[in-house]
N, C-alpha and C. Protein backbone atom coordinates (compact mmCIF):
# COMPACT_ATOMS: atom_id res chain seq x y z
N GLU A 1 12.42 -16.72 3.97
CA GLU A 1 13.21 -15.76 3.20
C GLU A 1 12.78 -14.32 3.51
N LEU A 2 11.47 -14.10 3.60
CA LEU A 2 10.97 -12.76 3.89
C LEU A 2 11.44 -12.31 5.26
N GLY A 3 11.37 -13.21 6.24
CA GLY A 3 11.82 -12.87 7.58
C GLY A 3 13.28 -12.46 7.61
N ALA A 4 14.11 -13.16 6.84
CA ALA A 4 15.54 -12.84 6.78
C ALA A 4 15.77 -11.47 6.15
N LYS A 5 15.01 -11.16 5.10
CA LYS A 5 15.15 -9.87 4.43
C LYS A 5 14.73 -8.73 5.37
N LEU A 6 13.62 -8.93 6.07
CA LEU A 6 13.15 -7.89 6.99
C LEU A 6 14.18 -7.63 8.09
N LYS A 7 14.79 -8.70 8.57
CA LYS A 7 15.83 -8.56 9.59
C LYS A 7 17.04 -7.84 9.02
N GLU A 8 17.40 -8.19 7.78
CA GLU A 8 18.56 -7.56 7.13
C GLU A 8 18.35 -6.05 6.99
N TYR A 9 17.11 -5.66 6.65
CA TYR A 9 16.81 -4.24 6.46
C TYR A 9 16.53 -3.51 7.77
N GLY A 10 16.42 -4.26 8.86
CA GLY A 10 16.18 -3.64 10.16
C GLY A 10 14.77 -3.16 10.37
N PHE A 11 13.80 -3.77 9.69
CA PHE A 11 12.41 -3.36 9.82
C PHE A 11 11.77 -3.95 11.07
N ASP A 12 10.98 -3.14 11.77
CA ASP A 12 10.06 -3.68 12.76
C ASP A 12 8.90 -4.32 12.02
N THR A 13 8.33 -5.38 12.58
CA THR A 13 7.33 -6.13 11.84
C THR A 13 6.11 -6.50 12.67
N VAL A 14 4.99 -6.60 11.98
CA VAL A 14 3.75 -7.20 12.48
C VAL A 14 3.21 -8.04 11.34
N PHE A 15 2.76 -9.24 11.64
CA PHE A 15 2.16 -10.11 10.62
C PHE A 15 0.68 -9.74 10.51
N ALA A 16 0.27 -9.27 9.33
CA ALA A 16 -1.10 -8.77 9.15
C ALA A 16 -1.94 -9.76 8.37
N TRP A 17 -3.12 -10.06 8.91
CA TRP A 17 -4.09 -10.92 8.23
C TRP A 17 -5.46 -10.26 8.31
N GLY A 18 -6.24 -10.43 7.23
CA GLY A 18 -7.65 -10.08 7.32
C GLY A 18 -8.12 -8.89 6.53
N HIS A 19 -7.28 -8.35 5.64
CA HIS A 19 -7.76 -7.23 4.83
C HIS A 19 -8.39 -7.74 3.54
N PRO A 20 -9.57 -7.27 3.14
CA PRO A 20 -10.29 -6.17 3.79
C PRO A 20 -11.38 -6.59 4.78
N ASN A 21 -11.85 -7.83 4.71
CA ASN A 21 -13.07 -8.17 5.46
C ASN A 21 -12.89 -9.16 6.59
N GLY A 22 -11.71 -9.73 6.73
CA GLY A 22 -11.42 -10.60 7.86
C GLY A 22 -12.41 -11.74 8.03
N LEU A 23 -12.91 -11.86 9.23
CA LEU A 23 -13.86 -12.95 9.56
C LEU A 23 -15.28 -12.64 9.12
N GLU A 24 -15.49 -11.49 8.49
CA GLU A 24 -16.81 -11.09 7.99
C GLU A 24 -17.87 -11.20 9.08
N ARG A 25 -17.59 -10.53 10.20
CA ARG A 25 -18.41 -10.49 11.43
C ARG A 25 -18.78 -11.87 11.95
N GLY A 26 -17.86 -12.82 11.75
CA GLY A 26 -18.04 -14.17 12.27
C GLY A 26 -18.80 -15.10 11.36
N LEU A 27 -18.97 -14.72 10.09
CA LEU A 27 -19.77 -15.53 9.16
C LEU A 27 -18.95 -16.16 8.04
N ASN A 28 -17.63 -16.17 8.18
CA ASN A 28 -16.78 -16.77 7.15
C ASN A 28 -15.92 -17.85 7.78
N PRO A 29 -16.42 -19.08 7.86
CA PRO A 29 -15.65 -20.16 8.50
C PRO A 29 -14.36 -20.48 7.77
N ALA A 30 -14.33 -20.33 6.45
CA ALA A 30 -13.10 -20.60 5.71
C ALA A 30 -12.01 -19.60 6.10
N ALA A 31 -12.39 -18.35 6.25
CA ALA A 31 -11.42 -17.34 6.68
C ALA A 31 -10.92 -17.65 8.09
N PHE A 32 -11.80 -18.13 8.94
CA PHE A 32 -11.41 -18.48 10.31
C PHE A 32 -10.37 -19.60 10.31
N GLU A 33 -10.59 -20.61 9.48
CA GLU A 33 -9.62 -21.71 9.40
C GLU A 33 -8.28 -21.22 8.86
N GLU A 34 -8.33 -20.35 7.86
CA GLU A 34 -7.10 -19.78 7.32
C GLU A 34 -6.36 -18.98 8.38
N MET A 35 -7.09 -18.16 9.12
CA MET A 35 -6.47 -17.35 10.17
C MET A 35 -5.78 -18.23 11.21
N LYS A 36 -6.46 -19.25 11.66
CA LYS A 36 -5.88 -20.14 12.68
C LYS A 36 -4.62 -20.83 12.15
N ALA A 37 -4.67 -21.25 10.90
CA ALA A 37 -3.52 -21.96 10.32
C ALA A 37 -2.30 -21.07 10.20
N LEU A 38 -2.51 -19.77 10.07
CA LEU A 38 -1.40 -18.84 9.88
C LEU A 38 -0.79 -18.37 11.20
N ILE A 39 -1.49 -18.53 12.29
CA ILE A 39 -0.98 -18.02 13.57
C ILE A 39 0.43 -18.52 13.88
N PRO A 40 0.71 -19.84 13.73
CA PRO A 40 2.07 -20.31 14.06
C PRO A 40 3.16 -19.75 13.15
N LYS A 41 2.78 -19.21 12.00
CA LYS A 41 3.78 -18.69 11.05
C LYS A 41 4.20 -17.26 11.39
N THR A 42 3.53 -16.65 12.34
CA THR A 42 3.80 -15.25 12.67
C THR A 42 5.27 -14.99 12.96
N ARG A 43 5.87 -15.87 13.72
CA ARG A 43 7.25 -15.65 14.16
C ARG A 43 8.27 -15.78 13.03
N LEU A 44 7.85 -16.32 11.89
CA LEU A 44 8.78 -16.47 10.77
C LEU A 44 9.24 -15.13 10.22
N ILE A 45 8.47 -14.07 10.44
CA ILE A 45 8.89 -12.75 9.95
C ILE A 45 9.44 -11.89 11.09
N GLY A 46 9.79 -12.53 12.20
CA GLY A 46 10.48 -11.82 13.26
C GLY A 46 9.61 -11.02 14.19
N THR A 47 8.36 -11.42 14.35
CA THR A 47 7.45 -10.73 15.26
C THR A 47 6.64 -11.74 16.05
N ASP A 48 6.08 -11.29 17.16
CA ASP A 48 5.16 -12.15 17.90
C ASP A 48 3.74 -11.58 17.88
N VAL A 49 3.49 -10.59 17.00
CA VAL A 49 2.18 -9.95 16.91
C VAL A 49 1.55 -10.24 15.55
N MET A 50 0.32 -10.76 15.58
CA MET A 50 -0.46 -10.99 14.36
C MET A 50 -1.70 -10.11 14.41
N ARG A 51 -1.78 -9.19 13.47
CA ARG A 51 -2.94 -8.31 13.38
C ARG A 51 -4.05 -9.03 12.62
N ILE A 52 -5.26 -9.01 13.17
CA ILE A 52 -6.40 -9.68 12.56
C ILE A 52 -7.59 -8.72 12.51
N THR A 53 -8.59 -9.06 11.69
CA THR A 53 -9.81 -8.24 11.64
C THR A 53 -11.03 -9.14 11.73
N GLY A 54 -12.02 -8.66 12.46
CA GLY A 54 -13.25 -9.42 12.64
C GLY A 54 -14.35 -9.00 11.70
N SER A 55 -14.30 -7.76 11.23
CA SER A 55 -15.38 -7.25 10.40
C SER A 55 -14.84 -6.08 9.57
N ALA A 56 -15.76 -5.26 9.04
CA ALA A 56 -15.35 -4.14 8.21
C ALA A 56 -16.49 -3.14 8.10
N PHE A 57 -16.20 -2.05 7.42
CA PHE A 57 -17.11 -0.92 7.27
C PHE A 57 -18.48 -1.32 6.72
N ASP A 58 -18.50 -2.26 5.78
CA ASP A 58 -19.74 -2.61 5.09
C ASP A 58 -20.85 -3.06 6.03
N TRP A 59 -20.47 -3.60 7.19
CA TRP A 59 -21.47 -4.17 8.11
C TRP A 59 -21.63 -3.36 9.39
N ARG A 60 -21.19 -2.12 9.34
CA ARG A 60 -21.19 -1.32 10.58
C ARG A 60 -22.59 -1.02 11.09
N HIS A 61 -23.60 -1.07 10.21
CA HIS A 61 -24.96 -0.74 10.63
C HIS A 61 -25.77 -1.98 11.03
N GLU A 62 -25.17 -3.16 10.94
CA GLU A 62 -25.86 -4.37 11.38
C GLU A 62 -25.87 -4.44 12.91
N ASN A 63 -26.50 -5.48 13.43
CA ASN A 63 -26.59 -5.67 14.87
C ASN A 63 -25.23 -6.09 15.43
N HIS A 64 -24.56 -5.19 16.09
CA HIS A 64 -23.23 -5.49 16.61
C HIS A 64 -23.26 -6.53 17.71
N ARG A 65 -24.35 -6.60 18.44
CA ARG A 65 -24.46 -7.61 19.49
C ARG A 65 -24.36 -9.01 18.89
N GLU A 66 -25.02 -9.23 17.76
CA GLU A 66 -24.94 -10.53 17.10
C GLU A 66 -23.51 -10.79 16.60
N HIS A 67 -22.86 -9.76 16.07
CA HIS A 67 -21.48 -9.91 15.61
C HIS A 67 -20.59 -10.37 16.76
N ILE A 68 -20.68 -9.66 17.87
CA ILE A 68 -19.79 -9.93 19.00
C ILE A 68 -20.02 -11.33 19.55
N GLU A 69 -21.26 -11.76 19.59
CA GLU A 69 -21.56 -13.11 20.11
C GLU A 69 -20.99 -14.19 19.20
N ARG A 70 -20.82 -13.90 17.92
CA ARG A 70 -20.18 -14.86 17.02
C ARG A 70 -18.66 -14.78 17.11
N LEU A 71 -18.13 -13.57 17.22
CA LEU A 71 -16.68 -13.39 17.16
C LEU A 71 -15.97 -13.85 18.43
N VAL A 72 -16.56 -13.61 19.58
CA VAL A 72 -15.86 -13.93 20.83
C VAL A 72 -15.48 -15.41 20.91
N PRO A 73 -16.38 -16.36 20.62
CA PRO A 73 -15.96 -17.77 20.65
C PRO A 73 -14.86 -18.09 19.64
N MET A 74 -14.91 -17.46 18.47
CA MET A 74 -13.85 -17.66 17.48
C MET A 74 -12.51 -17.19 18.04
N TYR A 75 -12.51 -16.01 18.62
CA TYR A 75 -11.27 -15.47 19.17
C TYR A 75 -10.77 -16.31 20.34
N LYS A 76 -11.67 -16.81 21.15
CA LYS A 76 -11.24 -17.67 22.27
C LYS A 76 -10.56 -18.93 21.77
N GLU A 77 -11.08 -19.49 20.69
CA GLU A 77 -10.46 -20.68 20.10
C GLU A 77 -9.11 -20.33 19.48
N ALA A 78 -9.06 -19.22 18.75
CA ALA A 78 -7.82 -18.84 18.07
C ALA A 78 -6.72 -18.46 19.06
N VAL A 79 -7.09 -17.83 20.16
CA VAL A 79 -6.05 -17.36 21.08
C VAL A 79 -5.36 -18.52 21.79
N LYS A 80 -6.02 -19.66 21.88
CA LYS A 80 -5.36 -20.84 22.44
C LYS A 80 -4.18 -21.26 21.56
N ILE A 81 -4.38 -21.17 20.24
CA ILE A 81 -3.29 -21.47 19.31
C ILE A 81 -2.19 -20.43 19.46
N ALA A 82 -2.60 -19.18 19.60
CA ALA A 82 -1.62 -18.11 19.77
C ALA A 82 -0.80 -18.31 21.04
N GLU A 83 -1.46 -18.64 22.12
CA GLU A 83 -0.76 -18.86 23.39
C GLU A 83 0.26 -20.00 23.26
N ALA A 84 -0.14 -21.05 22.56
CA ALA A 84 0.75 -22.21 22.41
C ALA A 84 1.97 -21.90 21.55
N ASN A 85 1.88 -20.85 20.74
CA ASN A 85 2.97 -20.51 19.83
C ASN A 85 3.68 -19.21 20.20
N GLY A 86 3.36 -18.66 21.35
CA GLY A 86 4.00 -17.42 21.76
C GLY A 86 3.66 -16.24 20.89
N VAL A 87 2.40 -16.20 20.42
CA VAL A 87 1.94 -15.15 19.52
C VAL A 87 0.85 -14.33 20.21
N LYS A 88 0.81 -13.04 19.93
CA LYS A 88 -0.24 -12.16 20.42
C LYS A 88 -1.13 -11.76 19.25
N LEU A 89 -2.43 -11.93 19.41
CA LEU A 89 -3.40 -11.54 18.39
C LEU A 89 -3.87 -10.12 18.67
N ALA A 90 -3.79 -9.26 17.65
CA ALA A 90 -4.19 -7.86 17.78
C ALA A 90 -5.33 -7.60 16.81
N THR A 91 -6.56 -7.60 17.31
CA THR A 91 -7.71 -7.35 16.45
C THR A 91 -7.84 -5.85 16.20
N GLU A 92 -8.00 -5.47 14.95
CA GLU A 92 -8.03 -4.04 14.61
C GLU A 92 -9.43 -3.47 14.71
N ASN A 93 -9.52 -2.22 15.18
CA ASN A 93 -10.75 -1.45 14.99
C ASN A 93 -10.78 -1.03 13.53
N HIS A 94 -11.66 -1.67 12.77
CA HIS A 94 -11.57 -1.67 11.30
C HIS A 94 -12.76 -0.95 10.68
N ILE A 95 -13.10 0.19 11.26
CA ILE A 95 -14.31 0.94 10.91
C ILE A 95 -15.52 0.03 11.09
N ASP A 96 -15.50 -0.74 12.16
CA ASP A 96 -16.57 -1.69 12.40
C ASP A 96 -17.17 -1.54 13.80
N TYR A 97 -16.31 -1.52 14.83
CA TYR A 97 -16.80 -1.48 16.21
C TYR A 97 -16.23 -0.29 16.96
N THR A 98 -17.01 0.21 17.91
CA THR A 98 -16.59 1.34 18.72
C THR A 98 -15.55 0.90 19.75
N SER A 99 -14.97 1.86 20.42
CA SER A 99 -13.98 1.54 21.45
C SER A 99 -14.60 0.74 22.59
N ASP A 100 -15.83 1.05 22.96
CA ASP A 100 -16.50 0.26 24.01
C ASP A 100 -16.71 -1.18 23.57
N GLU A 101 -17.07 -1.36 22.30
CA GLU A 101 -17.28 -2.71 21.79
C GLU A 101 -15.96 -3.47 21.69
N MET A 102 -14.91 -2.79 21.26
CA MET A 102 -13.60 -3.45 21.21
C MET A 102 -13.14 -3.85 22.61
N LEU A 103 -13.37 -2.98 23.57
CA LEU A 103 -13.00 -3.31 24.95
C LEU A 103 -13.78 -4.51 25.45
N GLU A 104 -15.06 -4.57 25.14
CA GLU A 104 -15.87 -5.72 25.55
C GLU A 104 -15.32 -7.02 24.96
N ILE A 105 -15.00 -6.99 23.67
CA ILE A 105 -14.46 -8.19 23.01
C ILE A 105 -13.18 -8.64 23.70
N ILE A 106 -12.28 -7.70 23.94
CA ILE A 106 -10.99 -8.03 24.57
C ILE A 106 -11.20 -8.60 25.97
N GLU A 107 -12.06 -7.98 26.74
CA GLU A 107 -12.29 -8.45 28.11
C GLU A 107 -12.95 -9.81 28.14
N ARG A 108 -13.82 -10.07 27.18
CA ARG A 108 -14.50 -11.38 27.16
C ARG A 108 -13.57 -12.50 26.67
N VAL A 109 -12.69 -12.20 25.75
CA VAL A 109 -11.71 -13.21 25.33
C VAL A 109 -10.77 -13.51 26.49
N ASP A 110 -10.40 -12.49 27.23
CA ASP A 110 -9.72 -12.64 28.52
C ASP A 110 -8.44 -13.46 28.42
N SER A 111 -7.52 -12.97 27.60
CA SER A 111 -6.21 -13.61 27.47
C SER A 111 -5.14 -12.54 27.35
N PRO A 112 -3.99 -12.72 28.00
CA PRO A 112 -2.89 -11.76 27.82
C PRO A 112 -2.35 -11.76 26.40
N ASN A 113 -2.74 -12.74 25.60
CA ASN A 113 -2.29 -12.83 24.21
C ASN A 113 -3.32 -12.27 23.23
N PHE A 114 -4.33 -11.59 23.75
CA PHE A 114 -5.35 -11.01 22.87
C PHE A 114 -5.53 -9.53 23.20
N GLY A 115 -5.32 -8.69 22.19
CA GLY A 115 -5.45 -7.25 22.38
C GLY A 115 -5.89 -6.58 21.10
N ILE A 116 -5.40 -5.36 20.89
CA ILE A 116 -5.88 -4.57 19.76
C ILE A 116 -4.74 -4.02 18.92
N ASN A 117 -4.97 -3.98 17.61
CA ASN A 117 -4.19 -3.15 16.71
C ASN A 117 -4.95 -1.83 16.63
N PHE A 118 -4.46 -0.82 17.32
CA PHE A 118 -5.20 0.43 17.46
C PHE A 118 -4.97 1.31 16.23
N ASP A 119 -6.03 1.50 15.44
CA ASP A 119 -5.99 2.41 14.30
C ASP A 119 -6.48 3.77 14.77
N THR A 120 -5.61 4.78 14.67
CA THR A 120 -5.93 6.07 15.28
C THR A 120 -6.99 6.85 14.51
N GLY A 121 -7.28 6.44 13.28
CA GLY A 121 -8.30 7.14 12.51
C GLY A 121 -9.64 6.45 12.45
N ASN A 122 -9.66 5.14 12.60
CA ASN A 122 -10.89 4.40 12.31
C ASN A 122 -12.00 4.61 13.33
N PHE A 123 -11.65 4.90 14.59
CA PHE A 123 -12.72 5.24 15.52
C PHE A 123 -13.40 6.55 15.11
N LEU A 124 -12.61 7.51 14.65
CA LEU A 124 -13.19 8.78 14.18
C LEU A 124 -14.19 8.54 13.07
N ARG A 125 -13.91 7.56 12.22
CA ARG A 125 -14.82 7.27 11.11
C ARG A 125 -16.16 6.69 11.59
N LEU A 126 -16.23 6.31 12.85
CA LEU A 126 -17.50 5.91 13.46
C LEU A 126 -18.01 6.99 14.41
N LEU A 127 -17.41 8.19 14.32
CA LEU A 127 -17.73 9.32 15.20
C LEU A 127 -17.50 8.96 16.67
N ASP A 128 -16.46 8.17 16.89
CA ASP A 128 -16.03 7.76 18.23
C ASP A 128 -14.68 8.43 18.49
N ASP A 129 -14.53 9.11 19.60
CA ASP A 129 -13.33 9.89 19.89
C ASP A 129 -12.11 8.98 20.05
N PRO A 130 -11.08 9.12 19.19
CA PRO A 130 -9.90 8.26 19.32
C PRO A 130 -9.18 8.39 20.66
N VAL A 131 -9.12 9.60 21.20
CA VAL A 131 -8.43 9.80 22.48
C VAL A 131 -9.18 9.09 23.60
N ALA A 132 -10.50 9.23 23.64
CA ALA A 132 -11.29 8.51 24.64
C ALA A 132 -11.13 7.01 24.47
N GLY A 133 -11.04 6.57 23.21
CA GLY A 133 -10.83 5.15 22.95
C GLY A 133 -9.49 4.67 23.47
N MET A 134 -8.45 5.46 23.26
CA MET A 134 -7.12 5.07 23.73
C MET A 134 -7.06 5.05 25.25
N GLU A 135 -7.78 5.94 25.90
CA GLU A 135 -7.79 5.95 27.36
C GLU A 135 -8.31 4.62 27.91
N LYS A 136 -9.24 4.00 27.19
CA LYS A 136 -9.78 2.70 27.61
C LYS A 136 -8.89 1.54 27.18
N LEU A 137 -8.28 1.67 26.01
CA LEU A 137 -7.67 0.51 25.36
C LEU A 137 -6.15 0.46 25.41
N ALA A 138 -5.50 1.52 25.86
CA ALA A 138 -4.04 1.57 25.83
C ALA A 138 -3.36 0.36 26.45
N PRO A 139 -3.86 -0.19 27.57
CA PRO A 139 -3.18 -1.36 28.15
C PRO A 139 -3.22 -2.60 27.27
N TYR A 140 -4.10 -2.59 26.27
CA TYR A 140 -4.29 -3.78 25.43
C TYR A 140 -3.72 -3.61 24.03
N VAL A 141 -3.01 -2.51 23.78
CA VAL A 141 -2.49 -2.24 22.43
C VAL A 141 -1.20 -3.03 22.19
N PHE A 142 -1.23 -3.86 21.15
CA PHE A 142 -0.05 -4.62 20.74
C PHE A 142 0.62 -4.03 19.50
N SER A 143 -0.16 -3.29 18.70
CA SER A 143 0.37 -2.71 17.46
C SER A 143 -0.52 -1.54 17.06
N THR A 144 -0.06 -0.77 16.09
CA THR A 144 -0.78 0.45 15.72
C THR A 144 -0.84 0.64 14.21
N HIS A 145 -1.86 1.38 13.79
CA HIS A 145 -1.90 2.03 12.48
C HIS A 145 -2.09 3.51 12.78
N ILE A 146 -1.10 4.31 12.48
CA ILE A 146 -1.16 5.74 12.78
C ILE A 146 -1.54 6.49 11.52
N LYS A 147 -2.70 7.11 11.55
CA LYS A 147 -3.14 7.90 10.40
C LYS A 147 -3.72 9.22 10.87
N ASP A 148 -3.89 10.12 9.94
CA ASP A 148 -4.54 11.40 10.22
C ASP A 148 -5.59 11.62 9.14
N LEU A 149 -6.64 12.34 9.49
CA LEU A 149 -7.80 12.46 8.62
C LEU A 149 -8.34 13.88 8.60
N LYS A 150 -8.98 14.22 7.47
CA LYS A 150 -9.75 15.45 7.36
C LYS A 150 -11.03 15.12 6.60
N MET A 151 -12.01 16.01 6.67
CA MET A 151 -13.26 15.76 5.95
C MET A 151 -13.06 16.01 4.46
N HIS A 152 -13.52 15.05 3.67
CA HIS A 152 -13.45 15.16 2.21
C HIS A 152 -14.44 16.23 1.75
N PRO A 153 -14.05 17.13 0.87
CA PRO A 153 -14.94 18.25 0.51
C PRO A 153 -16.16 17.87 -0.30
N THR A 154 -16.14 16.72 -0.99
CA THR A 154 -17.28 16.37 -1.85
C THR A 154 -17.91 15.03 -1.51
N ALA A 155 -17.32 14.26 -0.61
CA ALA A 155 -17.87 12.94 -0.27
C ALA A 155 -19.15 13.07 0.54
N LYS A 156 -20.00 12.07 0.41
CA LYS A 156 -21.20 12.00 1.25
C LYS A 156 -20.81 11.48 2.63
N PRO A 157 -21.52 11.89 3.68
CA PRO A 157 -21.19 11.39 5.02
C PRO A 157 -21.24 9.87 5.13
N THR A 158 -21.98 9.22 4.25
CA THR A 158 -22.07 7.76 4.29
C THR A 158 -20.91 7.07 3.57
N ASP A 159 -20.10 7.82 2.85
CA ASP A 159 -18.93 7.24 2.19
C ASP A 159 -17.85 6.94 3.22
N TRP A 160 -17.21 5.77 3.08
CA TRP A 160 -16.20 5.41 4.08
C TRP A 160 -15.02 6.37 4.08
N TYR A 161 -14.80 7.03 2.95
CA TYR A 161 -13.69 7.97 2.84
C TYR A 161 -14.12 9.41 3.11
N PHE A 162 -15.30 9.60 3.72
CA PHE A 162 -15.72 10.95 4.11
C PHE A 162 -14.62 11.60 4.95
N PHE A 163 -14.03 10.81 5.85
CA PHE A 163 -12.82 11.24 6.53
C PHE A 163 -11.65 10.69 5.72
N SER A 164 -10.96 11.55 4.98
CA SER A 164 -9.94 11.10 4.04
C SER A 164 -8.54 11.37 4.58
N GLY A 165 -7.57 10.65 4.00
CA GLY A 165 -6.24 10.62 4.57
C GLY A 165 -5.36 11.81 4.22
N VAL A 166 -4.63 12.28 5.23
CA VAL A 166 -3.61 13.32 5.06
C VAL A 166 -2.39 12.91 5.89
N PRO A 167 -1.25 13.55 5.68
CA PRO A 167 -0.08 13.20 6.50
C PRO A 167 -0.33 13.44 7.99
N VAL A 168 0.35 12.68 8.81
CA VAL A 168 0.26 12.88 10.26
C VAL A 168 0.62 14.33 10.59
N GLY A 169 -0.26 14.98 11.36
CA GLY A 169 -0.05 16.37 11.72
C GLY A 169 -0.83 17.35 10.88
N PHE A 170 -1.49 16.85 9.82
CA PHE A 170 -2.22 17.73 8.91
C PHE A 170 -3.74 17.64 9.11
N GLY A 171 -4.19 16.78 10.02
CA GLY A 171 -5.62 16.54 10.12
C GLY A 171 -6.18 16.71 11.52
N MET A 172 -7.24 15.95 11.79
CA MET A 172 -8.04 16.11 12.99
C MET A 172 -7.64 15.19 14.14
N VAL A 173 -6.79 14.22 13.88
CA VAL A 173 -6.47 13.21 14.89
C VAL A 173 -5.30 13.69 15.75
N ASP A 174 -5.48 13.65 17.05
CA ASP A 174 -4.45 14.10 17.99
C ASP A 174 -3.48 12.95 18.25
N ASN A 175 -2.62 12.70 17.28
CA ASN A 175 -1.70 11.57 17.41
C ASN A 175 -0.64 11.79 18.50
N TYR A 176 -0.34 13.04 18.82
CA TYR A 176 0.58 13.29 19.94
C TYR A 176 -0.04 12.79 21.24
N LYS A 177 -1.29 13.13 21.49
CA LYS A 177 -1.95 12.68 22.72
C LYS A 177 -2.09 11.17 22.74
N LEU A 178 -2.38 10.58 21.61
CA LEU A 178 -2.50 9.12 21.54
C LEU A 178 -1.17 8.46 21.86
N ALA A 179 -0.08 9.00 21.33
CA ALA A 179 1.25 8.46 21.63
C ALA A 179 1.59 8.64 23.10
N GLU A 180 1.20 9.76 23.67
CA GLU A 180 1.44 10.00 25.09
C GLU A 180 0.73 8.96 25.95
N LEU A 181 -0.52 8.66 25.61
CA LEU A 181 -1.27 7.65 26.36
C LEU A 181 -0.64 6.27 26.21
N LEU A 182 -0.17 5.95 25.01
CA LEU A 182 0.53 4.68 24.80
C LEU A 182 1.79 4.60 25.66
N HIS A 183 2.54 5.69 25.68
CA HIS A 183 3.78 5.72 26.47
C HIS A 183 3.47 5.50 27.95
N LYS A 184 2.46 6.17 28.46
CA LYS A 184 2.09 6.04 29.87
C LYS A 184 1.65 4.62 30.20
N ALA A 185 1.08 3.93 29.20
CA ALA A 185 0.61 2.56 29.42
C ALA A 185 1.74 1.53 29.27
N GLY A 186 2.93 2.00 28.91
CA GLY A 186 4.06 1.08 28.77
C GLY A 186 4.12 0.36 27.44
N TYR A 187 3.54 0.94 26.41
CA TYR A 187 3.54 0.32 25.08
C TYR A 187 4.97 0.09 24.58
N LYS A 188 5.23 -1.12 24.10
CA LYS A 188 6.58 -1.49 23.65
C LYS A 188 6.68 -1.64 22.13
N GLY A 189 5.58 -1.48 21.42
CA GLY A 189 5.61 -1.66 19.98
C GLY A 189 6.05 -0.40 19.25
N PHE A 190 5.77 -0.36 17.95
CA PHE A 190 6.17 0.79 17.14
C PHE A 190 4.95 1.50 16.58
N LEU A 191 5.16 2.67 16.04
CA LEU A 191 4.10 3.48 15.45
C LEU A 191 4.17 3.31 13.94
N ALA A 192 3.19 2.62 13.37
CA ALA A 192 3.21 2.27 11.94
C ALA A 192 2.32 3.23 11.16
N VAL A 193 2.91 3.97 10.24
CA VAL A 193 2.15 4.90 9.42
C VAL A 193 1.23 4.15 8.47
N GLU A 194 0.01 4.64 8.35
CA GLU A 194 -0.91 4.12 7.34
C GLU A 194 -1.58 5.29 6.62
N ILE A 195 -1.57 5.25 5.31
CA ILE A 195 -2.26 6.23 4.49
C ILE A 195 -3.33 5.49 3.69
N ASP A 196 -4.58 5.92 3.82
CA ASP A 196 -5.63 5.34 2.97
C ASP A 196 -6.57 6.44 2.52
N ALA A 197 -7.28 6.19 1.43
CA ALA A 197 -8.26 7.14 0.89
C ALA A 197 -7.72 8.58 0.95
N PRO A 198 -6.65 8.88 0.22
CA PRO A 198 -6.05 10.21 0.34
C PRO A 198 -7.04 11.34 0.03
N ALA A 199 -6.91 12.42 0.76
CA ALA A 199 -7.67 13.63 0.44
C ALA A 199 -7.31 14.08 -0.98
N PRO A 200 -8.22 14.79 -1.66
CA PRO A 200 -7.98 15.13 -3.07
C PRO A 200 -6.62 15.77 -3.33
N GLU A 201 -6.18 16.64 -2.43
CA GLU A 201 -4.92 17.34 -2.66
C GLU A 201 -3.69 16.45 -2.48
N TRP A 202 -3.91 15.22 -1.96
CA TRP A 202 -2.79 14.29 -1.77
C TRP A 202 -2.85 13.10 -2.72
N LEU A 203 -3.80 13.08 -3.62
CA LEU A 203 -3.86 11.99 -4.60
C LEU A 203 -2.60 12.01 -5.47
N GLY A 204 -2.00 10.84 -5.62
CA GLY A 204 -0.77 10.74 -6.39
C GLY A 204 0.46 11.22 -5.66
N MET A 205 0.29 11.59 -4.39
CA MET A 205 1.41 12.09 -3.59
C MET A 205 1.58 11.25 -2.33
N GLU A 206 1.21 9.97 -2.44
CA GLU A 206 1.25 9.11 -1.25
C GLU A 206 2.66 8.95 -0.68
N ASP A 207 3.66 8.85 -1.56
CA ASP A 207 5.04 8.71 -1.07
C ASP A 207 5.44 9.92 -0.23
N GLU A 208 5.09 11.10 -0.70
CA GLU A 208 5.41 12.31 0.06
C GLU A 208 4.64 12.34 1.38
N ALA A 209 3.38 11.93 1.33
CA ALA A 209 2.56 11.91 2.55
C ALA A 209 3.15 10.97 3.59
N ILE A 210 3.63 9.82 3.13
CA ILE A 210 4.26 8.86 4.05
C ILE A 210 5.54 9.44 4.63
N SER A 211 6.36 10.06 3.78
CA SER A 211 7.62 10.65 4.23
C SER A 211 7.37 11.71 5.30
N ILE A 212 6.41 12.58 5.07
CA ILE A 212 6.08 13.62 6.05
C ILE A 212 5.57 12.99 7.33
N SER A 213 4.73 11.97 7.20
CA SER A 213 4.18 11.30 8.38
C SER A 213 5.27 10.66 9.22
N VAL A 214 6.22 10.00 8.56
CA VAL A 214 7.32 9.36 9.29
C VAL A 214 8.13 10.42 10.05
N LYS A 215 8.44 11.53 9.39
CA LYS A 215 9.20 12.60 10.05
C LYS A 215 8.45 13.13 11.27
N ASN A 216 7.15 13.36 11.11
CA ASN A 216 6.37 13.91 12.21
C ASN A 216 6.20 12.90 13.34
N LEU A 217 6.07 11.63 12.99
CA LEU A 217 5.97 10.61 14.04
C LEU A 217 7.29 10.45 14.79
N LYS A 218 8.40 10.58 14.09
CA LYS A 218 9.70 10.53 14.78
C LYS A 218 9.82 11.67 15.79
N LYS A 219 9.32 12.84 15.42
CA LYS A 219 9.33 13.97 16.35
C LYS A 219 8.47 13.67 17.57
N ILE A 220 7.30 13.07 17.34
CA ILE A 220 6.42 12.71 18.45
C ILE A 220 7.08 11.68 19.34
N ALA A 221 7.63 10.63 18.72
CA ALA A 221 8.24 9.55 19.50
C ALA A 221 9.41 10.05 20.33
N ALA A 222 10.15 11.02 19.78
CA ALA A 222 11.32 11.54 20.50
C ALA A 222 10.94 12.22 21.81
N LYS A 223 9.72 12.68 21.91
CA LYS A 223 9.26 13.34 23.13
C LYS A 223 9.13 12.37 24.30
N PHE A 224 9.06 11.08 23.99
CA PHE A 224 8.76 10.10 25.04
C PHE A 224 9.91 9.13 25.28
N LYS A 225 11.11 9.47 24.82
CA LYS A 225 12.27 8.61 25.04
C LYS A 225 12.93 8.97 26.38
């Protein structure tokens, strides 16, 4: 029923799984079984892309090498199901791993059905340059979360919302350059606006922030048609 409604409204779709903690850096076997079971259902909502998450902000200071060694075998097992069902798995940079680490995971899984849901703000939250990240990862992008960020005036640097959300075009993220790199790489998906942890001046104004973001993204997208 949901798939039919989305088609009726003309929405582009991605099936999202794993918020907020996903596979919990490879330590949640129940979540892994749930994720695998849902892969074949992806196409029911009119998409062949399933966004997944391996970890989250809470564990960013742990040993990433141990995380990756647990996650890669899980992803290799899951992508076989995806391949059999014509689904592409897009693991998100979820304020957990750097662009180099995401690239390593993708290359080690080594499947055309495994790539990234590129969040344009989350690398910045790890002090990793989003543009440099896109230069490495653009060929593997299946879906996007497009956000813009500015520094919160009162948050501590250790707070996940230290970089807080503003409309696209109002912050520090060069989403035009990121879209340009996607275009050059032949990206066929859409640019999905995401607003999280709004900056103080945008609290309670999320609808307006989304509206502005959509308008600005349409202007960006028009440059590459």
